[in-house]
Amino acid sequence: MSSGSAQVSKDEILNSAEELFARQGFDATTIKQIGDRASQNPALLYYYFGSKEGLYQAVLRRTIEGLVSMGTRALSAGQSPDQLIRVFVAGQMEFLLANPTTHKLIIRELIDHEARHAQELLLEVAGSVFARLAGAIEAGQRSGTFRTDVDPRFAAISTISQVVYFTLARPAIGLFAGFGPGGATPDLARAFARHAGDFAVRALSSQEQPS
């Protein structure tokens, strides 16, 4: 097998595994199901990844590295702290729109396994994207753009959580907001991301708001 076709096979396996792990969970998904969905010999899965857990770890790593890459790009834009937050939230939404199984996969890992398989990967996120976002908020506090009576870590969590909840609770959000049980369209999701970015910035703003 050429290196090119081997990479295609690995990508097909990873894509199929991500979809099944996100939908069914780690325990309920079998190597045979993944091989069938990817149209690949199950023996290849063991050859490339060693075990089902090795494949699951590879899926988690690919997913979380994608999130880290998105966040790093957004938070390296060289803009003002308030604009960095808006760019980050918009990038977060674009990533989740382009990768619709990401939030399901990560939430399943958190609920089913309490992050047992993803602890080291999540620590990488904490040391990169989360630290950068909290750092951008701290920079805004030092410059006088943001209020100083807010813990930057809590503000970073609040900023991240808006888009995560909007995506995760899509059917409920759709019913609450009148979008229907299918949730928001991509255009409405992007409109929400703009709102979420503005909301975060205004909550952090040091300017007195008129009563």
Protein backbone atom coordinates (compact mmCIF):
# COMPACT_ATOMS: atom_id res chain seq x y z
CA MET A 1 0.00 0.00 0.00
CA SER A 2 1.42 3.42 -0.97
CA SER A 3 1.84 6.12 1.68
CA GLY A 4 -0.93 8.13 0.00
CA SER A 5 -3.46 5.31 0.04
CA ALA A 6 -2.43 4.39 3.59
CA GLN A 7 -3.21 7.94 4.72
CA VAL A 8 -6.57 7.83 2.97
CA SER A 9 -7.37 4.55 4.75
CA LYS A 10 -6.36 6.02 8.12
CA ASP A 11 -8.47 9.12 7.51
CA GLU A 12 -11.49 7.02 6.53
CA ILE A 13 -11.09 4.94 9.67
CA LEU A 14 -10.72 8.03 11.88
CA ASN A 15 -13.75 9.71 10.30
CA SER A 16 -15.93 6.63 10.72
CA ALA A 17 -14.70 6.01 14.25
CA GLU A 18 -15.37 9.62 15.27
CA GLU A 19 -18.93 9.43 13.98
CA LEU A 20 -19.67 6.13 15.73
CA PHE A 21 -17.95 7.02 19.01
CA ALA A 22 -19.85 10.32 19.09
CA ARG A 23 -23.20 8.67 18.37
CA GLN A 24 -22.89 5.41 20.36
CA GLY A 25 -20.08 5.99 22.83
CA PHE A 26 -16.81 4.11 23.24
CA ASP A 27 -18.20 1.00 24.95
CA ALA A 28 -21.03 0.37 22.46
CA THR A 29 -18.87 0.79 19.35
CA THR A 30 -17.02 -2.20 17.93
CA ILE A 31 -14.00 -2.46 15.66
CA LYS A 32 -16.16 -4.38 13.17
CA GLN A 33 -18.70 -1.55 13.02
CA ILE A 34 -15.95 0.97 12.36
CA GLY A 35 -14.35 -1.22 9.70
CA ASP A 36 -17.70 -1.75 7.97
CA ARG A 37 -18.52 1.95 8.00
CA ALA A 38 -15.08 2.87 6.67
CA SER A 39 -15.13 0.02 4.12
CA GLN A 40 -11.81 -1.14 5.56
CA ASN A 41 -10.59 -4.52 6.79
CA PRO A 42 -10.83 -4.48 10.61
CA ALA A 43 -7.29 -5.86 10.72
CA LEU A 44 -6.10 -2.49 9.39
CA LEU A 45 -7.52 -0.77 12.45
CA TYR A 46 -5.33 -2.91 14.69
CA TYR A 47 -2.36 -2.38 12.35
CA TYR A 48 -2.63 1.42 12.48
CA PHE A 49 -3.88 1.97 16.02
CA GLY A 50 -3.12 -1.18 18.03
CA SER A 51 -6.48 -1.45 19.79
CA LYS A 52 -9.92 0.12 20.02
CA GLU A 53 -8.66 2.36 22.83
CA GLY A 54 -5.68 3.38 20.69
CA LEU A 55 -8.07 4.33 17.89
CA TYR A 56 -10.28 6.24 20.34
CA GLN A 57 -7.26 8.14 21.63
CA ALA A 58 -6.28 9.00 18.05
CA VAL A 59 -9.80 10.29 17.35
CA LEU A 60 -9.77 12.41 20.51
CA ARG A 61 -6.30 13.76 19.71
CA ARG A 62 -7.27 14.74 16.18
CA THR A 63 -10.42 16.46 17.43
CA ILE A 64 -8.77 18.34 20.28
CA GLU A 65 -5.77 19.33 18.16
CA GLY A 66 -8.24 20.87 15.72
CA LEU A 67 -9.73 22.93 18.55
CA VAL A 68 -6.27 23.98 19.71
CA SER A 69 -5.30 25.01 16.19
CA MET A 70 -8.47 27.08 15.82
CA GLY A 71 -8.01 28.79 19.16
CA THR A 72 -4.32 29.48 18.61
CA ARG A 73 -5.01 31.13 15.25
CA ALA A 74 -7.84 33.23 16.66
CA LEU A 75 -5.85 34.37 19.68
CA SER A 76 -2.71 35.19 17.69
CA ALA A 77 -4.42 37.73 15.48
CA GLY A 78 -2.59 40.70 17.04
CA GLN A 79 -5.77 42.64 17.70
CA SER A 80 -7.16 44.41 20.76
CA PRO A 81 -8.34 42.21 23.66
CA ASP A 82 -12.03 42.85 22.94
CA GLN A 83 -11.60 42.02 19.25
CA LEU A 84 -9.64 38.86 20.11
CA ILE A 85 -12.61 37.62 22.12
CA ARG A 86 -14.99 38.26 19.22
CA VAL A 87 -12.63 36.52 16.77
CA PHE A 88 -12.21 33.56 19.13
CA VAL A 89 -15.97 33.05 19.62
CA ALA A 90 -16.60 33.32 15.87
CA GLY A 91 -13.81 30.80 15.20
CA GLN A 92 -15.22 28.46 17.82
CA MET A 93 -18.60 28.45 16.07
CA GLU A 94 -17.05 27.96 12.62
CA PHE A 95 -15.08 24.98 13.91
CA LEU A 96 -18.16 23.34 15.42
CA LEU A 97 -20.21 23.98 12.27
CA ALA A 98 -17.49 22.35 10.16
CA ASN A 99 -17.06 19.46 12.64
CA PRO A 100 -20.58 18.62 13.87
CA THR A 101 -19.58 15.53 15.84
CA THR A 102 -16.91 17.29 17.91
CA HIS A 103 -19.11 18.49 20.75
CA LYS A 104 -20.91 15.12 20.97
CA LEU A 105 -17.62 13.21 21.10
CA ILE A 106 -16.13 15.39 23.83
CA ILE A 107 -19.30 15.54 25.93
CA ARG A 108 -19.65 11.74 25.74
CA GLU A 109 -16.07 11.38 26.96
CA LEU A 110 -16.72 13.79 29.84
CA ILE A 111 -20.00 12.16 30.89
CA ASP A 112 -19.22 8.49 30.22
CA HIS A 113 -15.58 8.42 31.32
CA GLU A 114 -15.03 11.65 33.31
CA ALA A 115 -12.29 12.61 30.82
CA ARG A 116 -10.24 9.49 31.64
CA HIS A 117 -9.09 9.09 28.03
CA ALA A 118 -8.71 12.80 27.36
CA GLN A 119 -7.05 14.17 30.49
CA GLU A 120 -3.63 14.75 28.95
CA LEU A 121 -5.17 16.24 25.82
CA LEU A 122 -7.37 18.58 27.84
CA LEU A 123 -4.33 19.68 29.84
CA GLU A 124 -2.75 20.64 26.52
CA VAL A 125 -5.82 22.78 25.80
CA ALA A 126 -5.57 24.31 29.28
CA GLY A 127 -1.93 25.17 28.67
CA SER A 128 -2.52 26.65 25.23
CA VAL A 129 -5.93 27.94 24.17
CA PHE A 130 -7.48 28.43 27.60
CA ALA A 131 -4.35 30.12 28.94
CA ARG A 132 -4.20 32.40 25.88
CA LEU A 133 -7.85 33.39 26.23
CA ALA A 134 -7.47 34.11 29.95
CA GLY A 135 -4.28 36.00 29.09
CA ALA A 136 -6.12 38.14 26.54
CA ILE A 137 -8.68 39.00 29.21
CA GLU A 138 -5.90 39.86 31.68
CA ALA A 139 -4.29 42.08 29.03
CA GLY A 140 -7.62 43.85 28.64
CA GLN A 141 -7.75 44.38 32.39
CA ARG A 142 -4.23 45.83 32.44
CA SER A 143 -5.03 48.20 29.58
CA GLY A 144 -8.22 49.44 31.24
CA THR A 145 -10.46 47.92 28.55
CA PHE A 146 -11.91 45.28 30.88
CA ARG A 147 -13.03 45.53 34.49
CA THR A 148 -10.63 44.19 37.05
CA ASP A 149 -13.13 42.69 39.51
CA VAL A 150 -13.53 39.55 37.37
CA ASP A 151 -11.37 36.42 37.58
CA PRO A 152 -9.94 35.97 34.04
CA ARG A 153 -10.31 32.19 34.34
CA PHE A 154 -14.02 32.45 35.10
CA ALA A 155 -14.45 34.96 32.28
CA ALA A 156 -12.68 32.59 29.87
CA ILE A 157 -14.97 29.72 30.92
CA SER A 158 -18.05 31.91 30.43
CA THR A 159 -16.82 33.02 27.01
CA ILE A 160 -16.20 29.46 25.82
CA SER A 161 -19.42 28.08 27.31
CA GLN A 162 -21.86 30.18 25.30
CA VAL A 163 -21.13 28.55 21.94
CA VAL A 164 -20.64 25.11 23.50
CA TYR A 165 -24.09 25.18 25.10
CA PHE A 166 -25.74 26.62 21.98
CA THR A 167 -24.30 23.73 19.94
CA LEU A 168 -24.79 20.97 22.49
CA ALA A 169 -28.39 21.87 23.34
CA ARG A 170 -29.35 22.44 19.70
CA PRO A 171 -32.80 20.75 19.81
CA ALA A 172 -33.79 22.57 23.02
CA ILE A 173 -32.37 25.89 21.80
CA GLY A 174 -34.31 25.42 18.57
CA LEU A 175 -37.56 25.00 20.48
CA PHE A 176 -36.82 27.85 22.90
CA ALA A 177 -35.98 30.32 20.14
CA GLY A 178 -38.50 29.13 17.56
CA PHE A 179 -35.93 27.63 15.17
CA GLY A 180 -37.55 24.18 15.35
CA PRO A 181 -36.18 20.94 16.84
CA GLY A 182 -33.44 20.79 14.20
CA GLY A 183 -31.84 23.83 15.78
CA ALA A 184 -30.44 26.95 14.19
CA THR A 185 -29.30 27.17 10.58
CA PRO A 186 -25.60 27.94 10.02
CA ASP A 187 -26.45 31.60 9.39
CA LEU A 188 -28.40 31.83 12.65
CA ALA A 189 -25.58 30.04 14.48
CA ARG A 190 -23.12 32.63 13.15
CA ALA A 191 -25.47 35.42 14.23
CA PHE A 192 -25.52 33.89 17.71
CA ALA A 193 -21.70 33.76 17.73
CA ARG A 194 -21.59 37.49 16.98
CA HIS A 195 -24.05 38.07 19.82
CA ALA A 196 -22.03 35.83 22.17
CA GLY A 197 -18.82 37.69 21.38
CA ASP A 198 -20.48 41.06 21.97
CA PHE A 199 -22.14 39.75 25.13
CA ALA A 200 -18.80 38.59 26.56
CA VAL A 201 -17.08 41.86 25.71
CA ARG A 202 -19.87 43.99 27.19
CA ALA A 203 -19.91 41.89 30.37
CA LEU A 204 -16.17 42.53 30.74
CA SER A 205 -16.21 46.18 29.69
CA SER A 206 -14.85 48.68 32.19
CA GLN A 207 -17.11 51.41 30.80
CA GLU A 208 -20.08 52.41 32.92
CA GLN A 209 -23.31 51.49 31.20
CA PRO A 210 -26.24 53.94 31.31
CA SER A 211 -28.94 52.91 33.79
